[in-house]
Protein backbone atom coordinates (compact mmCIF):
# COMPACT_ATOMS: atom_id res chain seq x y z
CA UNK A 1 0.00 0.00 0.00
CA UNK A 2 1.33 3.45 -0.98
CA UNK A 3 0.25 6.73 0.57
CA UNK A 4 -0.37 10.01 -1.25
CA UNK A 5 -2.67 13.04 -1.12
CA UNK A 6 -6.36 12.58 -1.94
CA UNK A 7 -6.94 15.23 -4.59
CA UNK A 8 -10.28 14.26 -6.15
CA UNK A 9 -12.58 11.92 -4.23
CA UNK A 10 -13.59 8.45 -5.32
CA UNK A 11 -12.69 4.76 -5.02
CA UNK A 12 -11.89 2.72 -8.14
CA UNK A 13 -10.27 -0.59 -9.12
CA UNK A 14 -8.60 -1.01 -12.53
CA UNK A 15 -5.39 -1.89 -14.36
CA UNK A 16 -2.44 0.49 -14.22
CA UNK A 17 -1.52 2.47 -17.35
CA UNK A 18 2.01 3.82 -16.87
CA UNK A 19 2.35 7.16 -18.61
CA UNK A 20 6.05 7.95 -18.84
CA UNK A 21 8.64 8.90 -21.41
CA UNK A 22 9.39 6.07 -23.78
CA UNK A 23 12.85 4.59 -23.29
CA UNK A 24 14.23 2.40 -26.09
CA UNK A 25 17.64 0.86 -26.32
CA UNK A 26 18.26 -0.44 -29.83
CA UNK A 27 21.04 -3.03 -29.92
CA UNK A 28 22.18 -5.05 -32.95
CA UNK A 29 21.55 -8.78 -32.44
CA UNK A 30 21.93 -11.81 -34.64
CA UNK A 31 18.47 -13.25 -35.24
CA UNK A 32 16.34 -15.63 -37.28
CA UNK A 33 15.25 -13.64 -40.35
CA UNK A 34 11.88 -15.40 -40.76
CA UNK A 35 10.91 -14.79 -37.12
CA UNK A 36 11.97 -11.14 -37.33
CA UNK A 37 9.93 -10.63 -40.53
CA UNK A 38 6.83 -11.92 -38.71
CA UNK A 39 7.56 -9.47 -35.85
CA UNK A 40 7.95 -6.67 -38.38
CA UNK A 41 4.69 -7.46 -40.20
CA UNK A 42 2.74 -7.61 -36.91
CA UNK A 43 4.28 -4.34 -35.73
CA UNK A 44 3.49 -2.61 -39.05
CA UNK A 45 -0.17 -3.70 -38.74
CA UNK A 46 -0.34 -2.43 -35.14
CA UNK A 47 1.34 0.85 -36.08
CA UNK A 48 -1.23 1.46 -38.83
CA UNK A 49 -4.08 0.60 -36.43
CA UNK A 50 -2.62 2.94 -33.76
CA UNK A 51 -2.41 5.89 -36.16
CA UNK A 52 -5.95 5.28 -37.44
CA UNK A 53 -7.25 5.22 -33.85
CA UNK A 54 -5.43 8.46 -32.98
CA UNK A 55 -6.90 10.12 -36.07
CA UNK A 56 -10.39 8.87 -35.27
CA UNK A 57 -10.21 10.31 -31.75
CA UNK A 58 -8.83 13.61 -33.07
CA UNK A 59 -11.76 14.16 -35.48
CA UNK A 60 -13.83 17.04 -34.11
CA UNK A 61 -10.96 18.34 -32.02
CA UNK A 62 -8.50 19.29 -34.78
CA UNK A 63 -8.80 21.19 -38.05
CA UNK A 64 -8.60 19.42 -41.41
CA UNK A 65 -5.00 20.51 -42.02
CA UNK A 66 -3.99 19.09 -38.62
CA UNK A 67 -5.81 15.82 -39.30
CA UNK A 68 -3.85 15.58 -42.55
CA UNK A 69 -0.72 14.93 -40.45
CA UNK A 70 -2.15 11.51 -39.56
CA UNK A 71 -2.74 10.76 -43.24
CA UNK A 72 0.93 11.54 -43.87
CA UNK A 73 1.89 9.19 -41.04
CA UNK A 74 -0.28 6.43 -42.49
CA UNK A 75 1.46 6.87 -45.85
CA UNK A 76 4.85 6.45 -44.15
CA UNK A 77 3.68 3.36 -42.22
CA UNK A 78 2.48 1.77 -45.46
CA UNK A 79 5.31 2.99 -47.70
CA UNK A 80 6.51 -0.06 -49.70
CA UNK A 81 10.01 1.36 -50.20
CA UNK A 82 10.54 1.88 -46.46
CA UNK A 83 9.14 -1.53 -45.48
CA UNK A 84 10.98 -3.43 -48.21
CA UNK A 85 14.26 -1.74 -47.19
CA UNK A 86 13.74 -2.97 -43.63
CA UNK A 87 12.88 -6.48 -44.87
CA UNK A 88 15.99 -6.56 -47.06
CA UNK A 89 18.19 -5.48 -44.14
CA UNK A 90 16.76 -8.25 -41.94
CA UNK A 91 17.33 -10.90 -44.66
CA UNK A 92 20.76 -9.71 -45.74
CA UNK A 93 22.23 -9.29 -42.26
CA UNK A 94 20.12 -11.74 -40.18
CA UNK A 95 19.51 -8.96 -37.62
CA UNK A 96 16.71 -8.15 -35.21
CA UNK A 97 13.75 -6.22 -36.66
CA UNK A 98 14.00 -3.14 -34.40
CA UNK A 99 17.68 -2.68 -35.34
CA UNK A 100 16.81 -2.95 -39.06
CA UNK A 101 14.05 -0.35 -38.68
CA UNK A 102 16.43 1.94 -36.79
CA UNK A 103 19.10 1.71 -39.49
CA UNK A 104 16.70 2.23 -42.42
CA UNK A 105 14.85 5.06 -40.61
CA UNK A 106 18.09 6.93 -39.91
CA UNK A 107 19.05 6.60 -43.59
CA UNK A 108 15.70 7.96 -44.82
CA UNK A 109 15.64 10.74 -42.20
CA UNK A 110 19.15 11.82 -43.25
CA UNK A 111 18.12 11.89 -46.94
CA UNK A 112 15.01 14.03 -46.30
CA UNK A 113 16.75 16.39 -43.85
CA UNK A 114 19.39 17.18 -46.49
CA UNK A 115 16.82 18.23 -49.12
CA UNK A 116 16.48 21.91 -50.04
CA UNK A 117 12.69 21.84 -50.31
CA UNK A 118 11.19 22.82 -46.95
CA UNK A 119 8.15 20.57 -47.39
CA UNK A 120 10.33 17.53 -48.08
CA UNK A 121 12.55 18.34 -45.09
CA UNK A 122 9.40 18.35 -42.98
CA UNK A 123 8.74 14.73 -43.98
CA UNK A 124 11.79 13.68 -41.95
CA UNK A 125 9.80 14.36 -38.76
CA UNK A 126 6.95 12.16 -40.03
CA UNK A 127 9.37 9.28 -40.72
CA UNK A 128 10.90 9.68 -37.26
CA UNK A 129 7.50 9.69 -35.49
CA UNK A 130 6.22 6.64 -37.35
CA UNK A 131 9.40 4.58 -37.03
CA UNK A 132 9.68 5.32 -33.30
CA UNK A 133 6.17 3.87 -32.97
CA UNK A 134 7.13 0.93 -35.19
CA UNK A 135 10.22 0.12 -33.09
CA UNK A 136 8.18 0.36 -29.88
CA UNK A 137 5.58 -2.02 -31.28
CA UNK A 138 8.27 -4.53 -32.27
CA UNK A 139 9.65 -4.39 -28.72
CA UNK A 140 6.17 -4.56 -27.16
CA UNK A 141 6.59 -1.19 -25.45
CA UNK A 142 3.64 1.04 -24.58
CA UNK A 143 3.71 4.40 -26.34
CA UNK A 144 2.29 7.00 -23.97
CA UNK A 145 -0.83 8.62 -25.42
CA UNK A 146 -3.67 9.35 -23.03
CA UNK A 147 -6.02 10.15 -25.89
CA UNK A 148 -5.94 6.60 -27.25
CA UNK A 149 -6.76 4.72 -24.03
CA UNK A 150 -9.70 2.45 -24.86
CA UNK A 151 -10.01 0.23 -21.78
CA UNK A 152 -10.66 0.94 -18.11
CA UNK A 153 -7.40 2.01 -16.47
CA UNK A 154 -5.86 4.03 -13.67
CA UNK A 155 -3.20 6.32 -15.14
CA UNK A 156 0.11 6.31 -13.25
CA UNK A 157 2.53 9.18 -13.99
CA UNK A 158 5.26 11.39 -12.60
CA UNK A 159 2.85 14.28 -13.12
CA UNK A 160 0.18 15.28 -15.60
CA UNK A 161 0.13 18.65 -17.36
CA UNK A 162 -3.21 20.43 -17.77
CA UNK A 163 -3.17 19.39 -21.44
CA UNK A 164 -2.54 15.75 -20.47
CA UNK A 165 -5.41 15.82 -18.01
CA UNK A 166 -7.73 17.48 -20.53
CA UNK A 167 -7.21 14.48 -22.88
CA UNK A 168 -8.51 12.01 -20.31
CA UNK A 169 -11.66 10.18 -21.33
CA UNK A 170 -13.79 9.54 -18.23
CA UNK A 171 -15.30 6.46 -19.87
CA UNK A 172 -11.94 4.68 -19.72
CA UNK A 173 -9.75 6.64 -17.29
CA UNK A 174 -11.24 5.63 -13.95
CA UNK A 175 -8.64 7.59 -11.96
CA UNK A 176 -5.02 8.65 -11.82
CA UNK A 177 -2.12 8.72 -9.40
CA UNK A 178 0.97 10.94 -9.71
CA UNK A 179 4.34 10.87 -8.00
CA UNK A 180 4.40 14.62 -7.38
CA UNK A 181 1.84 17.38 -6.83
CA UNK A 182 -0.56 18.60 -4.18
CA UNK A 183 -4.25 19.43 -3.86
CA UNK A 184 -3.72 22.71 -5.70
CA UNK A 185 -1.59 21.36 -8.57
CA UNK A 186 -3.27 21.85 -11.93
CA UNK A 187 -3.67 18.12 -12.50
CA UNK A 188 -5.57 17.86 -9.19
CA UNK A 189 -7.78 20.82 -10.04
CA UNK A 190 -8.56 19.34 -13.47
CA UNK A 191 -9.31 15.94 -11.92
CA UNK A 192 -11.92 17.52 -9.66
CA UNK A 193 -13.34 19.41 -12.62
CA UNK A 194 -13.63 16.17 -14.63
CA UNK A 195 -14.79 14.25 -11.52
CA UNK A 196 -12.02 11.68 -11.94
CA UNK A 197 -10.68 10.18 -8.67
CA UNK A 198 -7.05 11.19 -8.15
CA UNK A 199 -4.22 10.69 -5.67
CA UNK A 200 -1.17 12.96 -6.04
CA UNK A 201 2.19 13.24 -4.28
CA UNK A 202 2.54 9.44 -4.15
CA UNK A 203 6.33 9.50 -4.41
CA UNK A 204 7.10 5.79 -4.91
CA UNK A 205 4.35 4.98 -7.38
CA UNK A 206 6.50 4.83 -10.53
CA UNK A 207 9.05 2.54 -8.88
CA UNK A 208 6.50 0.19 -7.33
CA UNK A 209 3.81 -0.05 -10.04
CA UNK A 210 4.21 -1.92 -13.31
CA UNK A 211 2.10 -1.48 -16.43
CA UNK A 212 -1.07 -3.64 -16.20
CA UNK A 213 -0.77 -4.21 -12.41
CA UNK A 214 -4.19 -4.21 -10.76
CA UNK A 215 -4.64 -1.15 -8.55
CA UNK A 216 -7.10 -0.03 -5.93
CA UNK A 217 -7.19 3.76 -5.88
CA UNK A 218 -8.74 5.10 -2.68
CA UNK A 219 -8.89 8.82 -3.42
CA UNK A 220 -10.82 9.44 -0.22
CA UNK A 221 -8.00 8.38 2.12
CA UNK A 222 -5.16 8.90 -0.41
CA UNK A 223 -4.13 5.24 -0.61
CA UNK A 224 -3.00 3.08 -3.54
CA UNK A 225 -2.98 -0.72 -3.20
CA UNK A 226 -0.92 -2.66 -5.74
CA UNK A 227 -2.12 -6.11 -6.88
CA UNK A 228 -4.68 -6.45 -4.06
CA UNK A 229 -5.91 -9.73 -2.60
CA UNK A 230 -9.42 -10.99 -3.38
CA UNK A 231 -10.52 -9.94 0.12
CA UNK A 232 -9.23 -6.40 -0.48
CA UNK A 233 -11.03 -6.23 -3.83
CA UNK A 234 -14.30 -7.25 -2.12
CA UNK A 235 -13.73 -4.74 0.71
CA UNK A 236 -12.97 -1.81 -1.59
CA UNK A 237 -15.73 -2.68 -4.03
CA UNK A 238 -18.14 -2.30 -1.10
CA UNK A 239 -16.47 0.98 -0.08
CA UNK A 240 -16.79 2.28 -3.65
CA UNK A 241 -20.48 1.38 -3.74
CA UNK A 242 -21.06 3.14 -0.39
CA UNK A 243 -19.21 6.23 -1.64
CA UNK A 244 -21.38 6.35 -4.79
CA UNK A 245 -24.58 5.89 -2.75
CA UNK A 246 -23.65 8.82 -0.49
CA UNK A 247 -22.84 10.89 -3.56
CA UNK A 248 -26.20 9.93 -5.09
CA UNK A 249 -28.05 10.88 -1.88
CA UNK A 250 -26.72 14.45 -2.17
CA UNK A 251 -28.50 14.85 -5.53
CA UNK A 252 -31.76 15.67 -3.73
CA UNK A 253 -30.15 19.06 -3.04
CA UNK A 254 -29.58 19.82 -6.74
CA UNK A 255 -32.38 22.41 -6.92
CA UNK A 256 -32.38 23.41 -3.25
CA UNK A 257 -31.45 26.93 -2.13
CA UNK A 258 -27.99 27.59 -0.73
CA UNK A 259 -29.38 29.15 2.40
CA UNK A 260 -28.42 28.95 6.08
CA UNK A 261 -30.80 27.96 8.89
CA UNK A 262 -31.30 31.66 9.70
CA UNK A 263 -32.06 32.72 6.11
CA UNK A 264 -28.70 33.96 4.76
CA UNK A 265 -28.21 33.13 1.07
CA UNK A 266 -24.89 32.53 -0.68
CA UNK A 267 -24.14 31.53 -4.26
CA UNK A 268 -22.49 28.18 -5.01
CA UNK A 269 -20.88 28.16 -8.45
CA UNK A 270 -18.59 25.84 -10.40
CA UNK A 271 -15.08 26.16 -11.83
CA UNK A 272 -14.66 25.02 -15.44
CA UNK A 273 -11.83 24.69 -17.96
CA UNK A 274 -13.77 23.94 -21.17
CA UNK A 275 -17.36 24.28 -22.45
CA UNK A 276 -17.96 20.55 -21.91
CA UNK A 277 -17.42 21.07 -18.15
CA UNK A 278 -20.69 23.03 -17.95
CA UNK A 279 -22.70 19.79 -17.78
CA UNK A 280 -20.98 18.92 -14.51
CA UNK A 281 -21.85 22.32 -13.02
CA UNK A 282 -25.53 22.04 -14.00
CA UNK A 283 -25.83 18.38 -12.97
CA UNK A 284 -24.49 19.30 -9.54
CA UNK A 285 -26.83 22.24 -9.06
CA UNK A 286 -24.33 25.03 -9.68
CA UNK A 287 -25.85 28.53 -9.52
CA UNK A 288 -23.34 29.89 -12.00
CA UNK A 289 -19.78 29.57 -13.23
CA UNK A 290 -17.45 31.39 -10.85
CA UNK A 291 -14.28 30.65 -12.80
CA UNK A 292 -13.93 29.80 -16.47
CA UNK A 293 -10.20 29.17 -16.96
CA UNK A 294 -9.93 30.54 -20.49
CA UNK A 295 -6.26 29.53 -20.79
CA UNK A 296 -7.32 26.00 -21.78
CA UNK A 297 -8.56 27.43 -25.08
CA UNK A 298 -4.97 28.47 -25.71
CA UNK A 299 -3.29 25.39 -24.23
CA UNK A 300 -5.35 22.98 -26.34
CA UNK A 301 -4.44 24.77 -29.59
CA UNK A 302 -1.38 24.77 -31.85
CA UNK A 303 -1.56 28.54 -32.30
CA UNK A 304 -3.28 31.50 -30.70
CA UNK A 305 -7.04 30.87 -30.96
CA UNK A 306 -8.84 33.31 -33.24
CA UNK A 307 -11.50 35.75 -32.10
CA UNK A 308 -14.22 33.58 -33.64
CA UNK A 309 -12.93 30.36 -32.06
CA UNK A 310 -12.97 32.02 -28.65
CA UNK A 311 -16.36 33.64 -29.27
CA UNK A 312 -17.93 30.26 -30.05
CA UNK A 313 -16.53 28.74 -26.84
CA UNK A 314 -17.71 31.61 -24.61
CA UNK A 315 -21.10 31.76 -26.35
CA UNK A 316 -21.60 28.01 -25.81
CA UNK A 317 -20.95 28.33 -22.08
CA UNK A 318 -23.18 31.40 -21.65
CA UNK A 319 -26.07 29.84 -23.55
CA UNK A 320 -25.71 26.56 -21.66
CA UNK A 321 -25.87 28.36 -18.31
CA UNK A 322 -29.22 29.83 -19.33
CA UNK A 323 -28.98 33.26 -17.71
CA UNK A 324 -26.84 32.24 -14.74
CA UNK A 325 -23.72 34.32 -14.26
CA UNK A 326 -20.52 33.12 -15.97
CA UNK A 327 -17.25 34.64 -14.70
CA UNK A 328 -14.49 34.31 -17.29
CA UNK A 329 -10.90 34.82 -16.20
CA UNK A 330 -8.87 36.43 -18.96
CA UNK A 331 -5.73 34.66 -20.17
CA UNK A 332 -3.72 33.42 -17.18
CA UNK A 333 -0.56 32.02 -18.74
CA UNK A 334 2.92 32.00 -17.24
CA UNK A 335 4.42 30.47 -14.12
CA UNK A 336 3.89 26.74 -14.65
CA UNK A 337 1.55 27.23 -17.63
CA UNK A 338 3.32 27.90 -20.92
CA UNK A 339 2.30 27.87 -24.57
CA UNK A 340 4.65 26.11 -27.01
CA UNK A 341 3.89 28.68 -29.72
CA UNK A 342 4.42 31.75 -27.48
CA UNK A 343 7.93 32.70 -26.38
CA UNK A 344 8.33 33.37 -22.68
CA UNK A 345 11.46 34.91 -21.16
CA UNK A 346 13.54 32.59 -18.97
CA UNK A 347 13.07 33.83 -15.41
CA UNK A 348 14.48 32.83 -12.05
CA UNK A 349 11.02 33.05 -10.45
CA UNK A 350 8.38 32.62 -13.18
CA UNK A 351 5.51 32.61 -10.63
CA UNK A 352 6.55 36.17 -9.74
CA UNK A 353 7.29 37.19 -13.29
CA UNK A 354 5.86 37.79 -16.73
CA UNK A 355 2.43 36.18 -16.52
CA UNK A 356 -1.35 36.71 -16.54
CA UNK A 357 -2.36 40.40 -16.72
CA UNK A 358 1.31 41.42 -16.98
CA UNK A 359 1.63 39.49 -20.24
CA UNK A 360 -1.76 40.76 -21.51
CA UNK A 361 -0.93 44.41 -20.89
CA UNK A 362 2.32 43.89 -22.80
CA UNK A 363 0.80 41.79 -25.62
CA UNK A 364 -2.32 43.89 -26.09
CA UNK A 365 -2.91 42.26 -29.50
CA UNK A 366 -3.63 38.95 -27.72
CA UNK A 367 -5.61 40.69 -24.97
CA UNK A 368 -7.80 42.72 -27.35
CA UNK A 369 -8.68 39.62 -29.38
CA UNK A 370 -9.85 37.84 -26.26
CA UNK A 371 -11.81 40.83 -24.97
CA UNK A 372 -13.57 41.28 -28.32
CA UNK A 373 -14.60 37.61 -28.29
CA UNK A 374 -15.86 37.93 -24.72
CA UNK A 375 -17.78 41.17 -25.35
CA UNK A 376 -19.43 39.68 -28.45
CA UNK A 377 -20.51 36.64 -26.41
CA UNK A 378 -22.13 38.87 -23.75
CA UNK A 379 -25.30 39.12 -25.86
CA UNK A 380 -25.97 35.42 -25.15
CA UNK A 381 -26.00 35.34 -21.35
CA UNK A 382 -24.91 36.95 -18.09
CA UNK A 383 -21.19 37.63 -18.50
CA UNK A 384 -18.64 38.75 -15.95
CA UNK A 385 -14.97 39.24 -16.83
CA UNK A 386 -12.15 39.18 -14.31
CA UNK A 387 -8.50 40.06 -14.69
CA UNK A 388 -5.96 37.77 -12.96
CA UNK A 389 -2.83 38.69 -11.01
CA UNK A 390 -3.76 42.33 -10.43
CA UNK A 391 -1.25 44.00 -8.09
CA UNK A 392 -1.90 47.73 -8.56
CA UNK A 393 -4.82 49.98 -9.31
CA UNK A 394 -2.98 51.23 -12.38
CA UNK A 395 -2.96 47.69 -13.85
CA UNK A 396 -6.70 47.33 -13.30
CA UNK A 397 -7.40 50.73 -14.84
CA UNK A 398 -5.31 49.93 -17.93
CA UNK A 399 -7.03 46.56 -18.41
CA UNK A 400 -10.48 48.06 -17.95
CA UNK A 401 -9.67 50.92 -20.36
CA UNK A 402 -8.79 48.37 -23.08
CA UNK A 403 -12.05 46.56 -22.34
CA UNK A 404 -14.02 49.81 -22.70
CA UNK A 405 -12.24 50.66 -25.98
CA UNK A 406 -13.02 47.28 -27.51
CA UNK A 407 -16.60 47.40 -26.29
CA UNK A 408 -17.07 50.79 -27.96
CA UNK A 409 -15.36 49.53 -31.15
CA UNK A 410 -17.84 46.65 -31.36
CA UNK A 411 -20.80 48.94 -30.75
CA UNK A 412 -19.51 51.22 -33.54
CA UNK A 413 -19.32 48.14 -35.79
CA UNK A 414 -22.99 47.42 -35.07
CA UNK A 415 -22.34 44.30 -33.00
CA UNK A 416 -24.91 43.50 -30.29
CA UNK A 417 -23.33 43.60 -26.83
CA UNK A 418 -24.77 43.51 -23.32
CA UNK A 419 -24.83 46.76 -21.35
CA UNK A 420 -24.49 44.89 -18.05
CA UNK A 421 -21.13 43.09 -18.30
CA UNK A 422 -19.50 43.00 -14.87
CA UNK A 423 -15.76 43.71 -14.86
CA UNK A 424 -13.86 42.54 -11.80
CA UNK A 425 -10.54 41.18 -10.65
CA UNK A 426 -8.83 38.27 -8.98
CA UNK A 427 -7.34 38.94 -5.57
CA UNK A 428 -4.25 36.72 -5.48
CA UNK A 429 -1.59 39.17 -4.35
CA UNK A 430 -1.50 40.41 -0.72
CA UNK A 431 -1.10 44.03 -1.92
CA UNK A 432 -4.48 43.79 -3.67
CA UNK A 433 -6.17 42.21 -0.65
CA UNK A 434 -4.98 44.99 1.65
CA UNK A 435 -6.18 47.67 -0.78
CA UNK A 436 -9.46 45.90 -1.69
CA UNK A 437 -11.62 48.84 -0.60
CA UNK A 438 -9.90 51.10 -3.15
CA UNK A 439 -10.07 48.50 -5.93
CA UNK A 440 -13.77 47.96 -5.21
CA UNK A 441 -14.51 51.60 -6.06
CA UNK A 442 -13.68 50.74 -9.68
CA UNK A 443 -14.21 46.96 -9.92
CA UNK A 444 -17.70 45.45 -10.06
CA UNK A 445 -16.60 42.49 -7.93
CA UNK A 446 -13.57 40.72 -6.50
CA UNK A 447 -12.83 36.99 -6.55
CA UNK A 448 -10.21 35.57 -4.20
CA UNK A 449 -7.78 33.08 -5.70
CA UNK A 450 -6.56 31.33 -2.57
CA UNK A 451 -4.09 28.98 -4.29
CA UNK A 452 -1.85 31.88 -5.28
CA UNK A 453 -2.78 34.14 -2.37
CA UNK A 454 -1.46 31.48 0.03
CA UNK A 455 1.76 30.93 -1.92
CA UNK A 456 2.48 34.66 -2.16
CA UNK A 457 1.54 35.35 1.47
CA UNK A 458 3.73 32.53 2.77
CA UNK A 459 6.53 32.98 0.19
CA UNK A 460 6.19 29.26 -0.52
CA UNK A 461 6.03 27.74 -4.00
CA UNK A 462 2.85 25.65 -3.96
CA UNK A 463 4.44 23.14 -6.35
CA UNK A 464 7.38 22.46 -4.02
CA UNK A 465 7.06 19.43 -1.76
CA UNK A 466 9.84 20.77 0.47
CA UNK A 467 7.75 23.72 1.61
CA UNK A 468 4.33 22.06 1.35
CA UNK A 469 3.90 22.50 5.12
CA UNK A 470 3.53 26.25 4.48
CA UNK A 471 0.42 25.74 2.34
CA UNK A 472 -1.86 26.77 5.22
CA UNK A 473 -5.32 27.89 4.13
CA UNK A 474 -6.38 28.17 7.78
CA UNK A 475 -3.49 30.36 8.86
CA UNK A 476 -4.90 33.43 10.70
CA UNK A 477 -2.75 35.75 8.55
CA UNK A 478 -4.48 34.45 5.42
CA UNK A 479 -7.90 34.70 7.09
CA UNK A 480 -7.22 38.37 7.83
CA UNK A 481 -6.36 38.99 4.16
CA UNK A 482 -9.59 37.25 3.12
CA UNK A 483 -11.56 39.31 5.64
CA UNK A 484 -9.94 42.54 4.40
CA UNK A 485 -10.88 41.65 0.83
CA UNK A 486 -14.50 40.81 1.65
CA UNK A 487 -14.97 43.88 3.87
CA UNK A 488 -13.30 46.10 1.25
CA UNK A 489 -15.72 44.91 -1.44
CA UNK A 490 -18.75 45.25 0.84
CA UNK A 491 -17.72 48.80 1.84
CA UNK A 492 -18.35 49.81 -1.77
CA UNK A 493 -21.50 47.70 -2.21
CA UNK A 494 -19.71 45.07 -4.33
CA UNK A 495 -19.84 41.28 -4.02
CA UNK A 496 -16.89 39.11 -3.04
CA UNK A 497 -16.34 35.57 -4.30
CA UNK A 498 -13.69 32.91 -4.00
CA UNK A 499 -12.60 30.58 -6.79
CA UNK A 500 -9.56 28.98 -5.16
CA UNK A 501 -9.66 25.39 -3.89
CA UNK A 502 -10.40 26.61 -0.36
CA UNK A 503 -13.95 27.53 -1.45
CA UNK A 504 -14.89 23.85 -1.77
CA UNK A 505 -13.05 22.58 1.32
CA UNK A 506 -15.72 21.29 3.78
CA UNK A 507 -13.96 22.59 6.91
CA UNK A 508 -13.35 26.01 5.31
CA UNK A 509 -16.97 26.60 4.23
CA UNK A 510 -18.30 27.46 7.75
CA UNK A 511 -15.40 29.85 8.27
CA UNK A 512 -15.77 31.58 4.88
CA UNK A 513 -19.49 31.86 5.44
CA UNK A 514 -18.81 33.62 8.74
CA UNK A 515 -16.26 35.93 7.12
CA UNK A 516 -19.06 37.16 4.82
CA UNK A 517 -18.14 35.53 1.50
CA UNK A 518 -20.96 35.97 -1.03
CA UNK A 519 -20.00 33.46 -3.73
CA UNK A 520 -18.18 30.13 -3.40
CA UNK A 521 -16.87 28.71 -6.69
CA UNK A 522 -15.43 25.21 -6.69
CA UNK A 523 -15.05 21.98 -8.62
CA UNK A 524 -18.51 20.86 -9.75
CA UNK A 525 -18.25 17.64 -7.74
CA UNK A 526 -17.95 19.65 -4.50
CA UNK A 527 -21.10 21.79 -4.94
CA UNK A 528 -23.75 19.47 -3.47
CA UNK A 529 -21.67 18.68 -0.39
CA UNK A 530 -21.06 22.41 0.09
CA UNK A 531 -24.82 23.07 -0.17
CA UNK A 532 -25.51 20.40 2.45
CA UNK A 533 -23.01 22.10 4.78
CA UNK A 534 -24.36 25.64 4.20
CA UNK A 535 -27.95 24.52 4.85
CA UNK A 536 -26.92 23.00 8.20
CA UNK A 537 -25.30 26.18 9.57
CA UNK A 538 -26.42 29.37 11.32
CA UNK A 539 -24.93 32.48 9.71
CA UNK A 540 -24.99 34.35 13.03
CA UNK A 541 -23.08 31.56 14.79
CA UNK A 542 -20.54 31.30 11.97
CA UNK A 543 -19.87 35.06 12.17
CA UNK A 544 -19.04 34.67 15.86
CA UNK A 545 -16.77 31.72 15.10
CA UNK A 546 -15.01 33.60 12.30
CA UNK A 547 -14.28 36.53 14.62
CA UNK A 548 -12.71 34.10 17.08
CA UNK A 549 -10.64 32.52 14.28
CA UNK A 550 -9.21 35.92 13.30
CA UNK A 551 -7.74 36.19 16.80
CA UNK A 552 -6.13 32.73 16.77
CA UNK A 553 -2.35 32.37 16.48
CA UNK A 554 -1.93 29.24 14.32
CA UNK A 555 -3.66 27.10 11.69
CA UNK A 556 -3.99 24.31 14.25
CA UNK A 557 -5.91 26.60 16.62
CA UNK A 558 -8.26 27.64 13.81
CA UNK A 559 -8.93 24.02 12.79
CA UNK A 560 -9.56 23.00 16.40
CA UNK A 561 -11.99 25.89 16.75
CA UNK A 562 -13.96 24.89 13.64
CA UNK A 563 -14.06 21.22 14.67
CA UNK A 564 -15.33 22.17 18.13
CA UNK A 565 -18.15 24.31 16.72
CA UNK A 566 -19.23 22.41 13.60
CA UNK A 567 -19.91 18.74 12.93
CA UNK A 568 -19.24 17.87 9.28
């Protein structure tokens, strides 16, 4: 049994799918030519089938010109000259098939790379991609590709990027476990959004788990059991069924009000990364979208998405939410989120560097395109726009001025736009939290991003396991920053939300309620549990408890206080 951090709740049993960089050592061996030719023919057939499957799964996600890449790969895999050259090498030298492929591939790659024609030089990459797959299939190695998984598995990886996680198909990926990461790592956040059970920070998992091992993933307690006994399978199957029954029981609250026992109403919204995530928010009774992470539109593309591509995505979400508020965060790239087609400067501390609104105010061409798409979409629902990583009032004013310019440009062009778009900001930087009352004079709302607010307040990289102990959402210093933000917004008659992971944490909900938070935005799978908690509490009592918490000295004191006052 291995121990990690439960990042997205659930209990599942399935085979392990190890997702790691392919390592191939090609060594020349003397071999039986006939046997090697059979291996080659089988591997060619599998390679063709693999490419066809990848193409099939890409249809609808990629443009025609991108899909054409797979056609080029199929041509290489079926090229008679390439295959016959490999066969001839095997027969002439009595060598192993993978070595013959390697030799012939290197020859063809060298020929194409030396050509003057740019198009023909580009074919060298196709030959390399296809022959790497061919060699792996000869050797019986698994080529990592999350998009082609077509059986029930638990993905095991060092880590998963947001793009990796976005590829996961819930039908087949029953859960995942990573060697690194914490509850606020992007893979964990995406897992909760997709409602896929996940355990992260399980340091020994890659060493201990082999491909196709049977795993029990207990993403409630953060445990991973490798090749369990029959008794363990029976025990955890029962636990999984109980977990699902409890989850099902919460569904009676789908259309219930998020209201305390003494009549105080709050809004429970969902965080999404793509338009398809809206279903999860609605299914779980979300009263809006409190955070649409628009960067996934950019991360899932091979180039900057056009105004129309973005417009269609935003419009889809707004229409699907049927008049409920949708808060879209403008492009938040930088730090640990990069775009392969956009050059970022190399920085010592990228989390403190050129990212989010800082990038957008520098690359106003990118920013204006996104704002135009957003403003156009406002005619189809209740839109709110928020700028991330705001540190100074000057930054907010500049961003809002560009918004106003583009809004007026669209009106001048005769485009229908809403006259009630809310424009607000993320509070992630302590300087903004302290000055929230001044920001709220010009912002329509504030939304607290606790993941970054904690890391900046504690000077602790939230991706670093060495300083993970400083990720303290219940630290009184953080609670005072949250209180200052909420009070600052309320002093100007504006609403205050929270879209960081703390908003969906069961023990934090009573405290945040007492601090006066108006909107809680969280992973869709957390909404119904949050509603159950809110409906069991007295707002007046939670205010008293929150005032006590602000005068505590440590996180431990705050947690003890909550646990003594509230039974969850």
